[in-house]
Amino acid sequence: MKIVTKTTLLTSMLIATGLSFTACSSTTQPQPQQTQPQQQVKQKPQITQEQKNSIYKKAMRKVGSDIKQDLNYQKLDLSTPELKNWFTDITYKLWDHQITRGQFVAFGLEKFPQHSYEFNLIADGLKTN
């Protein structure tokens, strides 16, 4: 009877050991990498400074026509060449995303503190174009 018990015990241990190794091993096969067609990076078309200026002027004409329809808009005093250049510079920078809307309004209020409505209206017009 000792032999039967030893054989049964040895068989049970071998089965348990074998099962423990299979439980720890990974049964999933690594998936082969699927090749996807390479996506081409689309580059923005290059535009010249003249084209960019033309687009900016068109956007400003649109803002100007919107302003004319607004009865609350008070005209800014841009009677000197320096003020005109300053105004063109900050509107261009806003339009070209070189400054934020908040910076544009702040620059405007430094020169014309009573014209918050006007600078916000211009900023809104330029950001939608």
N, C-alpha and C. Protein backbone atom coordinates (compact mmCIF):
# COMPACT_ATOMS: atom_id res chain seq x y z
N MET A 1 0.79 -1.17 0.00
CA MET A 1 0.00 0.00 0.00
C MET A 1 0.85 1.25 0.00
N LYS A 2 2.01 1.14 0.55
CA LYS A 2 2.90 2.28 0.54
C LYS A 2 3.27 2.68 -0.87
N ILE A 3 3.42 1.75 -1.76
CA ILE A 3 3.80 2.04 -3.14
C ILE A 3 2.67 2.77 -3.86
N VAL A 4 1.46 2.36 -3.62
CA VAL A 4 0.32 3.01 -4.26
C VAL A 4 0.21 4.46 -3.77
N THR A 5 0.38 4.65 -2.50
CA THR A 5 0.30 5.99 -1.94
C THR A 5 1.42 6.87 -2.48
N LYS A 6 2.64 6.32 -2.53
CA LYS A 6 3.77 7.08 -3.05
C LYS A 6 3.54 7.42 -4.52
N THR A 7 3.04 6.50 -5.31
CA THR A 7 2.81 6.72 -6.73
C THR A 7 1.73 7.77 -6.93
N THR A 8 0.67 7.65 -6.15
CA THR A 8 -0.42 8.63 -6.26
C THR A 8 0.06 10.01 -5.85
N LEU A 9 0.82 10.08 -4.79
CA LEU A 9 1.34 11.36 -4.32
C LEU A 9 2.31 11.95 -5.33
N LEU A 10 3.18 11.16 -5.89
CA LEU A 10 4.13 11.63 -6.89
C LEU A 10 3.41 12.09 -8.15
N THR A 11 2.41 11.37 -8.59
CA THR A 11 1.64 11.75 -9.77
C THR A 11 0.90 13.06 -9.52
N SER A 12 0.31 13.17 -8.34
CA SER A 12 -0.42 14.40 -8.00
C SER A 12 0.52 15.60 -7.99
N MET A 13 1.72 15.44 -7.45
CA MET A 13 2.69 16.53 -7.42
C MET A 13 3.14 16.92 -8.82
N LEU A 14 3.35 15.94 -9.67
CA LEU A 14 3.77 16.23 -11.04
C LEU A 14 2.65 16.98 -11.78
N ILE A 15 1.43 16.56 -11.59
CA ILE A 15 0.30 17.22 -12.25
C ILE A 15 0.16 18.66 -11.73
N ALA A 16 0.26 18.81 -10.41
CA ALA A 16 0.13 20.15 -9.81
C ALA A 16 1.26 21.06 -10.29
N THR A 17 2.47 20.54 -10.36
CA THR A 17 3.60 21.33 -10.84
C THR A 17 3.40 21.70 -12.31
N GLY A 18 2.99 20.74 -13.08
CA GLY A 18 2.75 21.02 -14.50
C GLY A 18 1.67 22.06 -14.72
N LEU A 19 0.59 21.96 -13.96
CA LEU A 19 -0.49 22.93 -14.07
C LEU A 19 -0.06 24.31 -13.61
N SER A 20 0.78 24.39 -12.61
CA SER A 20 1.21 25.70 -12.13
C SER A 20 2.07 26.41 -13.19
N PHE A 21 2.83 25.66 -13.93
CA PHE A 21 3.62 26.30 -14.99
C PHE A 21 2.74 26.80 -16.13
N THR A 22 1.71 26.08 -16.45
CA THR A 22 0.86 26.51 -17.55
C THR A 22 0.00 27.70 -17.15
N ALA A 23 -0.32 27.85 -15.88
CA ALA A 23 -1.13 28.98 -15.44
C ALA A 23 -0.34 30.28 -15.50
N CYS A 24 0.96 30.22 -15.37
CA CYS A 24 1.77 31.43 -15.37
C CYS A 24 2.23 31.84 -16.76
N SER A 25 2.11 30.96 -17.69
CA SER A 25 2.63 31.31 -19.02
C SER A 25 1.56 32.03 -19.83
N SER A 26 2.02 32.81 -20.73
CA SER A 26 1.12 33.58 -21.60
C SER A 26 0.71 32.70 -22.77
N THR A 27 -0.59 32.62 -22.98
CA THR A 27 -1.06 31.80 -24.08
C THR A 27 -1.34 32.62 -25.33
N THR A 28 -1.27 33.97 -25.21
CA THR A 28 -1.54 34.79 -26.38
C THR A 28 -0.29 34.92 -27.22
N GLN A 29 -0.48 34.83 -28.47
CA GLN A 29 0.62 34.99 -29.41
C GLN A 29 0.77 36.47 -29.73
N PRO A 30 1.98 36.96 -29.82
CA PRO A 30 2.14 38.38 -30.19
C PRO A 30 1.60 38.59 -31.60
N GLN A 31 0.81 39.64 -31.73
CA GLN A 31 0.22 39.96 -33.03
C GLN A 31 1.28 40.58 -33.93
N PRO A 32 1.33 40.12 -35.17
CA PRO A 32 2.28 40.78 -36.07
C PRO A 32 1.83 42.22 -36.31
N GLN A 33 2.79 43.10 -36.40
CA GLN A 33 2.45 44.50 -36.62
C GLN A 33 1.87 44.68 -38.00
N GLN A 34 0.73 45.35 -38.00
CA GLN A 34 0.10 45.61 -39.29
C GLN A 34 0.73 46.86 -39.88
N THR A 35 1.04 46.76 -41.12
CA THR A 35 1.62 47.94 -41.77
C THR A 35 0.50 48.81 -42.28
N GLN A 36 0.55 50.06 -41.85
CA GLN A 36 -0.43 51.02 -42.30
C GLN A 36 0.23 51.91 -43.34
N PRO A 37 -0.55 52.32 -44.31
CA PRO A 37 0.05 53.22 -45.28
C PRO A 37 0.48 54.49 -44.56
N GLN A 38 1.66 54.95 -44.87
CA GLN A 38 2.18 56.15 -44.21
C GLN A 38 1.36 57.35 -44.63
N GLN A 39 1.01 58.11 -43.62
CA GLN A 39 0.25 59.31 -43.90
C GLN A 39 1.23 60.41 -44.29
N GLN A 40 0.88 61.10 -45.33
CA GLN A 40 1.72 62.20 -45.76
C GLN A 40 1.35 63.43 -44.96
N VAL A 41 2.36 64.12 -44.50
CA VAL A 41 2.14 65.34 -43.74
C VAL A 41 1.77 66.44 -44.73
N LYS A 42 0.60 67.01 -44.48
CA LYS A 42 0.16 68.09 -45.36
C LYS A 42 0.75 69.40 -44.86
N GLN A 43 1.41 70.07 -45.72
CA GLN A 43 2.00 71.35 -45.36
C GLN A 43 1.09 72.46 -45.84
N LYS A 44 1.06 73.52 -45.05
CA LYS A 44 0.27 74.67 -45.45
C LYS A 44 0.92 75.27 -46.69
N PRO A 45 0.09 75.71 -47.61
CA PRO A 45 0.68 76.33 -48.79
C PRO A 45 1.40 77.61 -48.38
N GLN A 46 2.54 77.81 -48.93
CA GLN A 46 3.33 78.99 -48.62
C GLN A 46 2.73 80.18 -49.38
N ILE A 47 2.53 81.27 -48.65
CA ILE A 47 2.01 82.47 -49.30
C ILE A 47 3.04 83.58 -49.14
N THR A 48 3.04 84.47 -50.06
CA THR A 48 3.98 85.58 -50.02
C THR A 48 3.47 86.64 -49.06
N GLN A 49 4.34 87.54 -48.69
CA GLN A 49 3.94 88.64 -47.81
C GLN A 49 2.90 89.52 -48.50
N GLU A 50 3.02 89.69 -49.80
CA GLU A 50 2.03 90.48 -50.54
C GLU A 50 0.64 89.84 -50.45
N GLN A 51 0.58 88.53 -50.61
CA GLN A 51 -0.70 87.83 -50.50
C GLN A 51 -1.26 87.95 -49.09
N LYS A 52 -0.38 87.84 -48.11
CA LYS A 52 -0.80 87.95 -46.72
C LYS A 52 -1.35 89.35 -46.44
N ASN A 53 -0.66 90.37 -46.95
CA ASN A 53 -1.14 91.74 -46.76
C ASN A 53 -2.49 91.95 -47.42
N SER A 54 -2.68 91.35 -48.57
CA SER A 54 -3.94 91.48 -49.29
C SER A 54 -5.09 90.85 -48.49
N ILE A 55 -4.84 89.70 -47.91
CA ILE A 55 -5.85 89.02 -47.10
C ILE A 55 -6.17 89.85 -45.85
N TYR A 56 -5.14 90.43 -45.25
CA TYR A 56 -5.33 91.29 -44.07
C TYR A 56 -6.19 92.50 -44.43
N LYS A 57 -5.89 93.14 -45.54
CA LYS A 57 -6.66 94.32 -45.95
C LYS A 57 -8.12 93.97 -46.21
N LYS A 58 -8.35 92.80 -46.78
CA LYS A 58 -9.72 92.35 -47.01
C LYS A 58 -10.45 92.16 -45.68
N ALA A 59 -9.77 91.58 -44.71
CA ALA A 59 -10.36 91.38 -43.39
C ALA A 59 -10.66 92.73 -42.73
N MET A 60 -9.78 93.69 -42.90
CA MET A 60 -10.00 95.02 -42.31
C MET A 60 -11.16 95.74 -43.00
N ARG A 61 -11.30 95.55 -44.31
CA ARG A 61 -12.45 96.15 -45.01
C ARG A 61 -13.76 95.58 -44.47
N LYS A 62 -13.77 94.28 -44.19
CA LYS A 62 -14.95 93.63 -43.62
C LYS A 62 -15.26 94.20 -42.23
N VAL A 63 -14.22 94.37 -41.42
CA VAL A 63 -14.41 94.95 -40.09
C VAL A 63 -14.94 96.38 -40.23
N GLY A 64 -14.38 97.13 -41.17
CA GLY A 64 -14.84 98.51 -41.39
C GLY A 64 -16.30 98.58 -41.79
N SER A 65 -16.73 97.67 -42.64
CA SER A 65 -18.14 97.68 -43.04
C SER A 65 -19.06 97.28 -41.88
N ASP A 66 -18.59 96.38 -41.02
CA ASP A 66 -19.37 96.01 -39.83
C ASP A 66 -19.47 97.18 -38.86
N ILE A 67 -18.38 97.92 -38.73
CA ILE A 67 -18.35 99.07 -37.81
C ILE A 67 -19.34 100.14 -38.25
N LYS A 68 -19.42 100.37 -39.53
CA LYS A 68 -20.32 101.41 -40.05
C LYS A 68 -21.78 101.11 -39.70
N GLN A 69 -22.12 99.87 -39.53
CA GLN A 69 -23.49 99.47 -39.22
C GLN A 69 -23.79 99.53 -37.72
N ASP A 70 -22.76 99.69 -36.89
CA ASP A 70 -22.93 99.70 -35.44
C ASP A 70 -23.09 101.14 -34.96
N LEU A 71 -24.25 101.47 -34.44
CA LEU A 71 -24.53 102.84 -34.00
C LEU A 71 -23.78 103.19 -32.71
N ASN A 72 -23.34 102.22 -31.94
CA ASN A 72 -22.63 102.48 -30.69
C ASN A 72 -21.14 102.73 -30.88
N TYR A 73 -20.63 102.45 -32.08
CA TYR A 73 -19.20 102.59 -32.34
C TYR A 73 -18.83 104.07 -32.43
N GLN A 74 -17.82 104.46 -31.65
CA GLN A 74 -17.28 105.83 -31.70
C GLN A 74 -15.95 105.78 -32.44
N LYS A 75 -15.82 106.58 -33.46
CA LYS A 75 -14.64 106.57 -34.31
C LYS A 75 -13.38 106.92 -33.51
N LEU A 76 -12.31 106.18 -33.78
CA LEU A 76 -11.02 106.45 -33.16
C LEU A 76 -10.35 107.61 -33.90
N ASP A 77 -9.63 108.44 -33.17
CA ASP A 77 -8.92 109.56 -33.78
C ASP A 77 -7.54 109.08 -34.25
N LEU A 78 -7.50 108.67 -35.51
CA LEU A 78 -6.24 108.21 -36.11
C LEU A 78 -5.78 109.23 -37.14
N SER A 79 -5.72 110.49 -36.71
CA SER A 79 -5.46 111.59 -37.65
C SER A 79 -3.98 111.76 -37.99
N THR A 80 -3.09 111.18 -37.22
CA THR A 80 -1.66 111.33 -37.52
C THR A 80 -1.12 110.05 -38.14
N PRO A 81 -0.07 110.17 -38.94
CA PRO A 81 0.55 108.97 -39.53
C PRO A 81 1.05 107.99 -38.46
N GLU A 82 1.54 108.53 -37.34
CA GLU A 82 2.03 107.66 -36.27
C GLU A 82 0.90 106.81 -35.69
N LEU A 83 -0.26 107.43 -35.46
CA LEU A 83 -1.40 106.68 -34.93
C LEU A 83 -1.93 105.67 -35.94
N LYS A 84 -1.95 106.06 -37.21
CA LYS A 84 -2.40 105.12 -38.25
C LYS A 84 -1.47 103.91 -38.31
N ASN A 85 -0.16 104.15 -38.26
CA ASN A 85 0.81 103.05 -38.30
C ASN A 85 0.68 102.17 -37.06
N TRP A 86 0.50 102.81 -35.90
CA TRP A 86 0.32 102.06 -34.67
C TRP A 86 -0.91 101.17 -34.76
N PHE A 87 -2.02 101.72 -35.22
CA PHE A 87 -3.28 100.97 -35.33
C PHE A 87 -3.13 99.82 -36.33
N THR A 88 -2.52 100.09 -37.47
CA THR A 88 -2.30 99.04 -38.47
C THR A 88 -1.43 97.94 -37.89
N ASP A 89 -0.41 98.32 -37.14
CA ASP A 89 0.50 97.33 -36.56
C ASP A 89 -0.23 96.41 -35.58
N ILE A 90 -1.02 96.97 -34.67
CA ILE A 90 -1.67 96.09 -33.68
C ILE A 90 -2.80 95.28 -34.29
N THR A 91 -3.51 95.83 -35.27
CA THR A 91 -4.57 95.03 -35.91
C THR A 91 -3.96 93.90 -36.72
N TYR A 92 -2.85 94.18 -37.40
CA TYR A 92 -2.18 93.14 -38.18
C TYR A 92 -1.68 92.03 -37.25
N LYS A 93 -1.07 92.41 -36.14
CA LYS A 93 -0.55 91.41 -35.20
C LYS A 93 -1.67 90.55 -34.63
N LEU A 94 -2.81 91.15 -34.34
CA LEU A 94 -3.96 90.38 -33.85
C LEU A 94 -4.44 89.43 -34.93
N TRP A 95 -4.61 89.94 -36.13
CA TRP A 95 -5.09 89.13 -37.25
C TRP A 95 -4.14 87.96 -37.54
N ASP A 96 -2.84 88.20 -37.41
CA ASP A 96 -1.82 87.20 -37.73
C ASP A 96 -1.47 86.31 -36.53
N HIS A 97 -2.23 86.42 -35.45
CA HIS A 97 -2.03 85.61 -34.24
C HIS A 97 -0.68 85.84 -33.58
N GLN A 98 -0.14 87.03 -33.73
CA GLN A 98 1.11 87.36 -33.06
C GLN A 98 0.85 87.90 -31.65
N ILE A 99 -0.35 88.42 -31.43
CA ILE A 99 -0.76 88.86 -30.10
C ILE A 99 -2.16 88.31 -29.84
N THR A 100 -2.52 88.27 -28.58
CA THR A 100 -3.84 87.76 -28.22
C THR A 100 -4.87 88.89 -28.29
N ARG A 101 -6.11 88.49 -28.21
CA ARG A 101 -7.20 89.46 -28.19
C ARG A 101 -7.06 90.40 -27.00
N GLY A 102 -6.73 89.84 -25.84
CA GLY A 102 -6.55 90.63 -24.63
C GLY A 102 -5.42 91.63 -24.76
N GLN A 103 -4.32 91.22 -25.38
CA GLN A 103 -3.20 92.14 -25.59
C GLN A 103 -3.61 93.27 -26.53
N PHE A 104 -4.35 92.93 -27.58
CA PHE A 104 -4.80 93.95 -28.53
C PHE A 104 -5.65 95.00 -27.82
N VAL A 105 -6.60 94.55 -27.05
CA VAL A 105 -7.48 95.49 -26.34
C VAL A 105 -6.66 96.33 -25.36
N ALA A 106 -5.73 95.71 -24.66
CA ALA A 106 -4.89 96.45 -23.71
C ALA A 106 -4.05 97.51 -24.42
N PHE A 107 -3.46 97.16 -25.57
CA PHE A 107 -2.69 98.15 -26.33
C PHE A 107 -3.58 99.31 -26.75
N GLY A 108 -4.77 99.00 -27.19
CA GLY A 108 -5.70 100.03 -27.62
C GLY A 108 -6.10 100.95 -26.49
N LEU A 109 -6.36 100.36 -25.33
CA LEU A 109 -6.80 101.16 -24.19
C LEU A 109 -5.68 102.03 -23.61
N GLU A 110 -4.42 101.68 -23.89
CA GLU A 110 -3.31 102.53 -23.45
C GLU A 110 -3.38 103.88 -24.16
N LYS A 111 -3.74 103.87 -25.44
CA LYS A 111 -3.81 105.12 -26.22
C LYS A 111 -5.19 105.76 -26.15
N PHE A 112 -6.22 104.93 -26.11
CA PHE A 112 -7.60 105.42 -26.13
C PHE A 112 -8.39 104.75 -24.99
N PRO A 113 -8.18 105.21 -23.75
CA PRO A 113 -8.79 104.52 -22.60
C PRO A 113 -10.31 104.52 -22.60
N GLN A 114 -10.93 105.43 -23.28
CA GLN A 114 -12.40 105.51 -23.27
C GLN A 114 -13.03 104.70 -24.40
N HIS A 115 -12.27 103.92 -25.13
CA HIS A 115 -12.79 103.21 -26.30
C HIS A 115 -12.72 101.69 -26.15
N SER A 116 -13.08 101.16 -25.01
CA SER A 116 -13.08 99.72 -24.78
C SER A 116 -14.03 99.01 -25.74
N TYR A 117 -15.22 99.55 -25.91
CA TYR A 117 -16.21 98.94 -26.80
C TYR A 117 -15.65 98.80 -28.21
N GLU A 118 -15.00 99.84 -28.69
CA GLU A 118 -14.50 99.87 -30.06
C GLU A 118 -13.41 98.82 -30.28
N PHE A 119 -12.47 98.73 -29.33
CA PHE A 119 -11.38 97.76 -29.50
C PHE A 119 -11.89 96.33 -29.37
N ASN A 120 -12.86 96.10 -28.53
CA ASN A 120 -13.45 94.77 -28.44
C ASN A 120 -14.21 94.41 -29.71
N LEU A 121 -14.90 95.37 -30.29
CA LEU A 121 -15.62 95.14 -31.54
C LEU A 121 -14.66 94.82 -32.68
N ILE A 122 -13.58 95.59 -32.77
CA ILE A 122 -12.57 95.34 -33.80
C ILE A 122 -11.94 93.96 -33.60
N ALA A 123 -11.61 93.64 -32.35
CA ALA A 123 -11.00 92.33 -32.06
C ALA A 123 -11.94 91.20 -32.46
N ASP A 124 -13.21 91.34 -32.12
CA ASP A 124 -14.17 90.30 -32.49
C ASP A 124 -14.25 90.15 -34.01
N GLY A 125 -14.25 91.27 -34.71
CA GLY A 125 -14.32 91.22 -36.17
C GLY A 125 -13.10 90.57 -36.79
N LEU A 126 -11.93 90.87 -36.27
CA LEU A 126 -10.70 90.29 -36.83
C LEU A 126 -10.56 88.81 -36.50
N LYS A 127 -11.03 88.40 -35.34
CA LYS A 127 -10.91 87.00 -34.96
C LYS A 127 -11.88 86.09 -35.68
N THR A 128 -12.97 86.67 -36.25
CA THR A 128 -13.90 85.83 -37.00
C THR A 128 -13.51 85.74 -38.46
N ASN A 129 -12.63 86.57 -38.92
CA ASN A 129 -12.18 86.54 -40.33
C ASN A 129 -11.02 85.63 -40.51
